[in-house]
Amino acid sequence: QVLDAKDIQVFKVTVNGQDAKFGFGEKHSFKGTPLEITLPFELRRGQEAIVEISFESSPKSSALQWFTPEQTSGKKHPFLFSQCQ
């Protein structure tokens, strides 16, 4: 699985609670850096996979944007979204 990881630092990736191997591909000046995740198990058709990524962003992380809790429908938690899917 490959995701865009422009200007973020990734510490850990889990899939359905299991540690997953991950690495970065070649950095592109305007596209970002591919985050390549190897699933820790064979994914079956119709099976759900919950991917959790522990990361840190910075002001340079232009692909990531946050809603404050007040900007969300539940008004309790912040919301992170990406422009570079």
PDB file of N, CA and C in Angstrom:
ATOM      1  N   GLN A   1       0.849  -1.157   0.000  1.00  0.00           N
ATOM      2  CA  GLN A   1       0.000   0.000   0.000  1.00  0.00           C
ATOM      3  C   GLN A   1       0.903   1.230   0.000  1.00  0.00           C
ATOM      4  N   VAL A   2       0.544   2.230  -0.776  1.00  0.00           N
ATOM      5  CA  VAL A   2       1.374   3.428  -0.878  1.00  0.00           C
ATOM      6  C   VAL A   2       0.524   4.666  -0.590  1.00  0.00           C
ATOM      7  N   LEU A   3       1.010   5.517   0.309  1.00  0.00           N
ATOM      8  CA  LEU A   3       0.356   6.775   0.654  1.00  0.00           C
ATOM      9  C   LEU A   3       1.342   7.916   0.448  1.00  0.00           C
ATOM     10  N   ASP A   4       0.844   9.128   0.320  1.00  0.00           N
ATOM     11  CA  ASP A   4       1.702  10.306   0.221  1.00  0.00           C
ATOM     12  C   ASP A   4       2.069  10.747   1.624  1.00  0.00           C
ATOM     13  N   ALA A   5       3.355  11.002   1.846  1.00  0.00           N
ATOM     14  CA  ALA A   5       3.821  11.388   3.180  1.00  0.00           C
ATOM     15  C   ALA A   5       4.680  12.642   3.088  1.00  0.00           C
ATOM     16  N   LYS A   6       4.202  13.645   2.427  1.00  0.00           N
ATOM     17  CA  LYS A   6       4.992  14.858   2.221  1.00  0.00           C
ATOM     18  C   LYS A   6       5.265  15.574   3.540  1.00  0.00           C
ATOM     19  N   ASP A   7       6.548  15.686   3.862  1.00  0.00           N
ATOM     20  CA  ASP A   7       7.013  16.464   5.014  1.00  0.00           C
ATOM     21  C   ASP A   7       6.404  16.045   6.347  1.00  0.00           C
ATOM     22  N   ILE A   8       6.258  14.732   6.543  1.00  0.00           N
ATOM     23  CA  ILE A   8       5.858  14.242   7.858  1.00  0.00           C
ATOM     24  C   ILE A   8       6.886  13.201   8.315  1.00  0.00           C
ATOM     25  N   GLN A   9       6.980  13.017   9.625  1.00  0.00           N
ATOM     26  CA  GLN A   9       7.858  12.007  10.196  1.00  0.00           C
ATOM     27  C   GLN A   9       6.975  10.885  10.728  1.00  0.00           C
ATOM     28  N   VAL A  10       7.194   9.663  10.256  1.00  0.00           N
ATOM     29  CA  VAL A  10       6.388   8.518  10.657  1.00  0.00           C
ATOM     30  C   VAL A  10       7.177   7.688  11.664  1.00  0.00           C
ATOM     31  N   PHE A  11       6.524   7.347  12.783  1.00  0.00           N
ATOM     32  CA  PHE A  11       7.164   6.580  13.839  1.00  0.00           C
ATOM     33  C   PHE A  11       6.750   5.114  13.843  1.00  0.00           C
ATOM     34  N   LYS A  12       5.468   4.851  13.549  1.00  0.00           N
ATOM     35  CA  LYS A  12       4.945   3.495  13.648  1.00  0.00           C
ATOM     36  C   LYS A  12       3.707   3.362  12.777  1.00  0.00           C
ATOM     37  N   VAL A  13       3.516   2.158  12.210  1.00  0.00           N
ATOM     38  CA  VAL A  13       2.315   1.850  11.437  1.00  0.00           C
ATOM     39  C   VAL A  13       1.778   0.514  11.940  1.00  0.00           C
ATOM     40  N   THR A  14       0.478   0.469  12.203  1.00  0.00           N
ATOM     41  CA  THR A  14      -0.167  -0.796  12.551  1.00  0.00           C
ATOM     42  C   THR A  14      -1.351  -1.017  11.621  1.00  0.00           C
ATOM     43  N   VAL A  15      -1.652  -2.288  11.373  1.00  0.00           N
ATOM     44  CA  VAL A  15      -2.819  -2.669  10.575  1.00  0.00           C
ATOM     45  C   VAL A  15      -3.589  -3.692  11.398  1.00  0.00           C
ATOM     46  N   ASN A  16      -4.818  -3.357  11.721  1.00  0.00           N
ATOM     47  CA  ASN A  16      -5.652  -4.189  12.599  1.00  0.00           C
ATOM     48  C   ASN A  16      -4.912  -4.547  13.890  1.00  0.00           C
ATOM     49  N   GLY A  17      -4.179  -3.573  14.414  1.00  0.00           N
ATOM     50  CA  GLY A  17      -3.483  -3.743  15.680  1.00  0.00           C
ATOM     51  C   GLY A  17      -2.134  -4.437  15.594  1.00  0.00           C
ATOM     52  N   GLN A  18      -1.748  -4.897  14.416  1.00  0.00           N
ATOM     53  CA  GLN A  18      -0.463  -5.580  14.239  1.00  0.00           C
ATOM     54  C   GLN A  18       0.554  -4.617  13.634  1.00  0.00           C
ATOM     55  N   ASP A  19       1.798  -4.658  14.126  1.00  0.00           N
ATOM     56  CA  ASP A  19       2.844  -3.812  13.562  1.00  0.00           C
ATOM     57  C   ASP A  19       3.046  -4.141  12.090  1.00  0.00           C
ATOM     58  N   ALA A  20       3.180  -3.090  11.289  1.00  0.00           N
ATOM     59  CA  ALA A  20       3.426  -3.252   9.858  1.00  0.00           C
ATOM     60  C   ALA A  20       4.773  -2.638   9.505  1.00  0.00           C
ATOM     61  N   LYS A  21       5.471  -3.251   8.569  1.00  0.00           N
ATOM     62  CA  LYS A  21       6.720  -2.681   8.070  1.00  0.00           C
ATOM     63  C   LYS A  21       6.374  -1.520   7.147  1.00  0.00           C
ATOM     64  N   PHE A  22       7.218  -0.484   7.199  1.00  0.00           N
ATOM     65  CA  PHE A  22       6.994   0.662   6.318  1.00  0.00           C
ATOM     66  C   PHE A  22       8.336   1.274   5.937  1.00  0.00           C
ATOM     67  N   GLY A  23       8.323   1.992   4.843  1.00  0.00           N
ATOM     68  CA  GLY A  23       9.519   2.684   4.375  1.00  0.00           C
ATOM     69  C   GLY A  23       9.106   3.790   3.431  1.00  0.00           C
ATOM     70  N   PHE A  24      10.070   4.577   3.039  1.00  0.00           N
ATOM     71  CA  PHE A  24       9.793   5.705   2.155  1.00  0.00           C
ATOM     72  C   PHE A  24      10.441   5.492   0.802  1.00  0.00           C
ATOM     73  N   GLY A  25       9.716   5.868  -0.236  1.00  0.00           N
ATOM     74  CA  GLY A  25      10.256   5.826  -1.586  1.00  0.00           C
ATOM     75  C   GLY A  25      11.024   7.108  -1.869  1.00  0.00           C
ATOM     76  N   GLU A  26      11.343   7.315  -3.116  1.00  0.00           N
ATOM     77  CA  GLU A  26      12.106   8.487  -3.528  1.00  0.00           C
ATOM     78  C   GLU A  26      11.272   9.757  -3.404  1.00  0.00           C
ATOM     79  N   LYS A  27      11.858  10.773  -2.786  1.00  0.00           N
ATOM     80  CA  LYS A  27      11.168  12.050  -2.589  1.00  0.00           C
ATOM     81  C   LYS A  27      11.047  12.799  -3.916  1.00  0.00           C
ATOM     82  N   HIS A  28       9.857  13.334  -4.170  1.00  0.00           N
ATOM     83  CA  HIS A  28       9.591  14.143  -5.357  1.00  0.00           C
ATOM     84  C   HIS A  28       9.415  15.589  -4.911  1.00  0.00           C
ATOM     85  N   SER A  29       9.950  16.518  -5.653  1.00  0.00           N
ATOM     86  CA  SER A  29       9.923  17.924  -5.242  1.00  0.00           C
ATOM     87  C   SER A  29       8.508  18.471  -5.086  1.00  0.00           C
ATOM     88  N   PHE A  30       7.580  18.078  -5.938  1.00  0.00           N
ATOM     89  CA  PHE A  30       6.224  18.637  -5.847  1.00  0.00           C
ATOM     90  C   PHE A  30       5.166  17.601  -5.477  1.00  0.00           C
ATOM     91  N   LYS A  31       5.490  16.327  -5.538  1.00  0.00           N
ATOM     92  CA  LYS A  31       4.508  15.288  -5.214  1.00  0.00           C
ATOM     93  C   LYS A  31       4.569  14.843  -3.759  1.00  0.00           C
ATOM     94  N   GLY A  32       5.721  14.948  -3.139  1.00  0.00           N
ATOM     95  CA  GLY A  32       5.887  14.429  -1.790  1.00  0.00           C
ATOM     96  C   GLY A  32       6.728  13.175  -1.807  1.00  0.00           C
ATOM     97  N   THR A  33       6.604  12.372  -0.747  1.00  0.00           N
ATOM     98  CA  THR A  33       7.377  11.144  -0.610  1.00  0.00           C
ATOM     99  C   THR A  33       6.424   9.977  -0.407  1.00  0.00           C
ATOM    100  N   PRO A  34       6.540   8.914  -1.213  1.00  0.00           N
ATOM    101  CA  PRO A  34       5.661   7.762  -1.013  1.00  0.00           C
ATOM    102  C   PRO A  34       5.972   7.052   0.302  1.00  0.00           C
ATOM    103  N   LEU A  35       4.937   6.777   1.087  1.00  0.00           N
ATOM    104  CA  LEU A  35       5.044   5.957   2.289  1.00  0.00           C
ATOM    105  C   LEU A  35       4.549   4.579   1.889  1.00  0.00           C
ATOM    106  N   GLU A  36       5.461   3.614   1.866  1.00  0.00           N
ATOM    107  CA  GLU A  36       5.141   2.269   1.412  1.00  0.00           C
ATOM    108  C   GLU A  36       4.927   1.369   2.632  1.00  0.00           C
ATOM    109  N   ILE A  37       3.725   0.801   2.740  1.00  0.00           N
ATOM    110  CA  ILE A  37       3.345  -0.031   3.887  1.00  0.00           C
ATOM    111  C   ILE A  37       3.175  -1.470   3.438  1.00  0.00           C
ATOM    112  N   THR A  38       3.825  -2.396   4.152  1.00  0.00           N
ATOM    113  CA  THR A  38       3.663  -3.822   3.900  1.00  0.00           C
ATOM    114  C   THR A  38       2.713  -4.375   4.956  1.00  0.00           C
ATOM    115  N   LEU A  39       1.598  -4.907   4.511  1.00  0.00           N
ATOM    116  CA  LEU A  39       0.620  -5.458   5.454  1.00  0.00           C
ATOM    117  C   LEU A  39       1.217  -6.652   6.185  1.00  0.00           C
ATOM    118  N   PRO A  40       0.935  -6.800   7.494  1.00  0.00           N
ATOM    119  CA  PRO A  40       1.498  -7.901   8.267  1.00  0.00           C
ATOM    120  C   PRO A  40       0.734  -9.220   8.087  1.00  0.00           C
ATOM    121  N   PHE A  41      -0.225  -9.243   7.163  1.00  0.00           N
ATOM    122  CA  PHE A  41      -1.018 -10.445   6.905  1.00  0.00           C
ATOM    123  C   PHE A  41      -1.576 -10.347   5.495  1.00  0.00           C
ATOM    124  N   GLU A  42      -2.026 -11.481   4.993  1.00  0.00           N
ATOM    125  CA  GLU A  42      -2.649 -11.526   3.658  1.00  0.00           C
ATOM    126  C   GLU A  42      -4.065 -10.971   3.779  1.00  0.00           C
ATOM    127  N   LEU A  43      -4.394  -9.997   2.974  1.00  0.00           N
ATOM    128  CA  LEU A  43      -5.723  -9.384   3.014  1.00  0.00           C
ATOM    129  C   LEU A  43      -6.675 -10.181   2.128  1.00  0.00           C
ATOM    130  N   ARG A  44      -7.783 -10.628   2.707  1.00  0.00           N
ATOM    131  CA  ARG A  44      -8.788 -11.392   1.964  1.00  0.00           C
ATOM    132  C   ARG A  44      -9.836 -10.445   1.384  1.00  0.00           C
ATOM    133  N   ARG A  45     -10.455 -10.849   0.315  1.00  0.00           N
ATOM    134  CA  ARG A  45     -11.504 -10.052  -0.307  1.00  0.00           C
ATOM    135  C   ARG A  45     -12.610  -9.793   0.710  1.00  0.00           C
ATOM    136  N   GLY A  46     -12.984  -8.511   0.849  1.00  0.00           N
ATOM    137  CA  GLY A  46     -14.036  -8.126   1.775  1.00  0.00           C
ATOM    138  C   GLY A  46     -13.573  -7.893   3.204  1.00  0.00           C
ATOM    139  N   GLN A  47     -12.308  -8.205   3.492  1.00  0.00           N
ATOM    140  CA  GLN A  47     -11.786  -8.025   4.847  1.00  0.00           C
ATOM    141  C   GLN A  47     -11.487  -6.546   5.091  1.00  0.00           C
ATOM    142  N   GLU A  48     -11.854  -6.060   6.260  1.00  0.00           N
ATOM    143  CA  GLU A  48     -11.538  -4.686   6.631  1.00  0.00           C
ATOM    144  C   GLU A  48     -10.126  -4.597   7.145  1.00  0.00           C
ATOM    145  N   ALA A  49      -9.476  -3.472   6.860  1.00  0.00           N
ATOM    146  CA  ALA A  49      -8.135  -3.221   7.390  1.00  0.00           C
ATOM    147  C   ALA A  49      -8.126  -1.807   7.959  1.00  0.00           C
ATOM    148  N   ILE A  50      -7.826  -1.704   9.236  1.00  0.00           N
ATOM    149  CA  ILE A  50      -7.724  -0.399   9.891  1.00  0.00           C
ATOM    150  C   ILE A  50      -6.243  -0.074  10.008  1.00  0.00           C
ATOM    151  N   VAL A  51      -5.820   0.964   9.300  1.00  0.00           N
ATOM    152  CA  VAL A  51      -4.420   1.380   9.282  1.00  0.00           C
ATOM    153  C   VAL A  51      -4.267   2.573  10.217  1.00  0.00           C
ATOM    154  N   GLU A  52      -3.367   2.436  11.197  1.00  0.00           N
ATOM    155  CA  GLU A  52      -3.071   3.523  12.127  1.00  0.00           C
ATOM    156  C   GLU A  52      -1.612   3.927  11.935  1.00  0.00           C
ATOM    157  N   ILE A  53      -1.407   5.228  11.755  1.00  0.00           N
ATOM    158  CA  ILE A  53      -0.064   5.750  11.511  1.00  0.00           C
ATOM    159  C   ILE A  53       0.260   6.770  12.592  1.00  0.00           C
ATOM    160  N   SER A  54       1.330   6.504  13.348  1.00  0.00           N
ATOM    161  CA  SER A  54       1.813   7.464  14.345  1.00  0.00           C
ATOM    162  C   SER A  54       2.820   8.363  13.637  1.00  0.00           C
ATOM    163  N   PHE A  55       2.527   9.649  13.609  1.00  0.00           N
ATOM    164  CA  PHE A  55       3.372  10.560  12.855  1.00  0.00           C
ATOM    165  C   PHE A  55       3.424  11.925  13.516  1.00  0.00           C
ATOM    166  N   GLU A  56       4.338  12.733  13.030  1.00  0.00           N
ATOM    167  CA  GLU A  56       4.454  14.116  13.471  1.00  0.00           C
ATOM    168  C   GLU A  56       4.527  14.993  12.228  1.00  0.00           C
ATOM    169  N   SER A  57       3.725  16.020  12.212  1.00  0.00           N
ATOM    170  CA  SER A  57       3.748  16.966  11.091  1.00  0.00           C
ATOM    171  C   SER A  57       4.508  18.221  11.512  1.00  0.00           C
ATOM    172  N   SER A  58       4.680  19.112  10.564  1.00  0.00           N
ATOM    173  CA  SER A  58       5.344  20.381  10.835  1.00  0.00           C
ATOM    174  C   SER A  58       4.661  21.455   9.990  1.00  0.00           C
ATOM    175  N   PRO A  59       5.002  22.700  10.207  1.00  0.00           N
ATOM    176  CA  PRO A  59       4.413  23.757   9.357  1.00  0.00           C
ATOM    177  C   PRO A  59       4.721  23.568   7.871  1.00  0.00           C
ATOM    178  N   LYS A  60       5.775  22.807   7.542  1.00  0.00           N
ATOM    179  CA  LYS A  60       6.093  22.533   6.135  1.00  0.00           C
ATOM    180  C   LYS A  60       5.150  21.496   5.531  1.00  0.00           C
ATOM    181  N   SER A  61       4.363  20.820   6.333  1.00  0.00           N
ATOM    182  CA  SER A  61       3.488  19.739   5.863  1.00  0.00           C
ATOM    183  C   SER A  61       2.272  20.316   5.149  1.00  0.00           C
ATOM    184  N   SER A  62       2.484  20.813   3.960  1.00  0.00           N
ATOM    185  CA  SER A  62       1.429  21.524   3.228  1.00  0.00           C
ATOM    186  C   SER A  62       0.272  20.628   2.807  1.00  0.00           C
ATOM    187  N   ALA A  63       0.488  19.328   2.726  1.00  0.00           N
ATOM    188  CA  ALA A  63      -0.574  18.427   2.288  1.00  0.00           C
ATOM    189  C   ALA A  63      -1.563  18.105   3.402  1.00  0.00           C
ATOM    190  N   LEU A  64      -1.234  18.470   4.645  1.00  0.00           N
ATOM    191  CA  LEU A  64      -2.092  18.162   5.782  1.00  0.00           C
ATOM    192  C   LEU A  64      -2.768  19.419   6.302  1.00  0.00           C
ATOM    193  N   GLN A  65      -4.039  19.297   6.594  1.00  0.00           N
ATOM    194  CA  GLN A  65      -4.781  20.424   7.144  1.00  0.00           C
ATOM    195  C   GLN A  65      -5.650  19.926   8.297  1.00  0.00           C
ATOM    196  N   TRP A  66      -5.846  20.785   9.266  1.00  0.00           N
ATOM    197  CA  TRP A  66      -6.604  20.426  10.465  1.00  0.00           C
ATOM    198  C   TRP A  66      -7.869  21.264  10.580  1.00  0.00           C
ATOM    199  N   PHE A  67      -8.940  20.629  11.037  1.00  0.00           N
ATOM    200  CA  PHE A  67     -10.120  21.344  11.523  1.00  0.00           C
ATOM    201  C   PHE A  67     -10.004  21.356  13.033  1.00  0.00           C
ATOM    202  N   THR A  68     -10.301  22.483  13.646  1.00  0.00           N
ATOM    203  CA  THR A  68     -10.354  22.539  15.107  1.00  0.00           C
ATOM    204  C   THR A  68     -11.621  21.801  15.541  1.00  0.00           C
ATOM    205  N   PRO A  69     -11.737  21.420  16.812  1.00  0.00           N
ATOM    206  CA  PRO A  69     -12.969  20.751  17.261  1.00  0.00           C
ATOM    207  C   PRO A  69     -14.225  21.566  16.932  1.00  0.00           C
ATOM    208  N   GLU A  70     -14.132  22.874  17.034  1.00  0.00           N
ATOM    209  CA  GLU A  70     -15.297  23.726  16.770  1.00  0.00           C
ATOM    210  C   GLU A  70     -15.732  23.673  15.309  1.00  0.00           C
ATOM    211  N   GLN A  71     -14.838  23.303  14.406  1.00  0.00           N
ATOM    212  CA  GLN A  71     -15.156  23.238  12.973  1.00  0.00           C
ATOM    213  C   GLN A  71     -15.751  21.898  12.558  1.00  0.00           C
ATOM    214  N   THR A  72     -15.810  20.920  13.474  1.00  0.00           N
ATOM    215  CA  THR A  72     -16.329  19.597  13.131  1.00  0.00           C
ATOM    216  C   THR A  72     -17.790  19.470  13.542  1.00  0.00           C
ATOM    217  N   SER A  73     -18.465  18.455  13.020  1.00  0.00           N
ATOM    218  CA  SER A  73     -19.890  18.285  13.332  1.00  0.00           C
ATOM    219  C   SER A  73     -20.115  17.929  14.801  1.00  0.00           C
ATOM    220  N   GLY A  74     -19.232  17.123  15.394  1.00  0.00           N
ATOM    221  CA  GLY A  74     -19.403  16.742  16.798  1.00  0.00           C
ATOM    222  C   GLY A  74     -18.846  17.756  17.777  1.00  0.00           C
ATOM    223  N   LYS A  75     -17.983  18.646  17.279  1.00  0.00           N
ATOM    224  CA  LYS A  75     -17.385  19.732  18.061  1.00  0.00           C
ATOM    225  C   LYS A  75     -16.592  19.249  19.282  1.00  0.00           C
ATOM    226  N   LYS A  76     -16.101  17.969  19.249  1.00  0.00           N
ATOM    227  CA  LYS A  76     -15.353  17.438  20.385  1.00  0.00           C
ATOM    228  C   LYS A  76     -13.891  17.159  20.061  1.00  0.00           C
ATOM    229  N   HIS A  77     -13.593  16.776  18.814  1.00  0.00           N
ATOM    230  CA  HIS A  77     -12.246  16.354  18.453  1.00  0.00           C
ATOM    231  C   HIS A  77     -11.775  17.101  17.197  1.00  0.00           C
ATOM    232  N   PRO A  78     -10.485  17.343  17.084  1.00  0.00           N
ATOM    233  CA  PRO A  78      -9.970  17.920  15.841  1.00  0.00           C
ATOM    234  C   PRO A  78     -10.037  16.875  14.732  1.00  0.00           C
ATOM    235  N   PHE A  79      -9.916  17.308  13.484  1.00  0.00           N
ATOM    236  CA  PHE A  79     -10.001  16.407  12.339  1.00  0.00           C
ATOM    237  C   PHE A  79      -8.865  16.737  11.386  1.00  0.00           C
ATOM    238  N   LEU A  80      -8.115  15.724  10.980  1.00  0.00           N
ATOM    239  CA  LEU A  80      -7.004  15.879  10.041  1.00  0.00           C
ATOM    240  C   LEU A  80      -7.434  15.353   8.681  1.00  0.00           C
ATOM    241  N   PHE A  81      -7.129  16.112   7.622  1.00  0.00           N
ATOM    242  CA  PHE A  81      -7.377  15.588   6.272  1.00  0.00           C
ATOM    243  C   PHE A  81      -6.213  15.936   5.370  1.00  0.00           C
ATOM    244  N   SER A  82      -6.124  15.185   4.275  1.00  0.00           N
ATOM    245  CA  SER A  82      -5.002  15.310   3.352  1.00  0.00           C
ATOM    246  C   SER A  82      -5.487  15.745   1.980  1.00  0.00           C
ATOM    247  N   GLN A  83      -4.684  16.559   1.330  1.00  0.00           N
ATOM    248  CA  GLN A  83      -4.984  16.993  -0.029  1.00  0.00           C
ATOM    249  C   GLN A  83      -4.242  16.144  -1.064  1.00  0.00           C
ATOM    250  N   CYS A  84      -3.407  15.238  -0.625  1.00  0.00           N
ATOM    251  CA  CYS A  84      -2.536  14.504  -1.568  1.00  0.00           C
ATOM    252  C   CYS A  84      -2.779  13.012  -1.550  1.00  0.00           C
ATOM    253  N   GLN A  85      -4.020  12.601  -1.575  1.00  0.00           N
ATOM    254  CA  GLN A  85      -4.317  11.178  -1.576  1.00  0.00           C
ATOM    255  C   GLN A  85      -3.736  10.618  -2.838  1.00  0.00           C
TER     256      GLN A  85
END
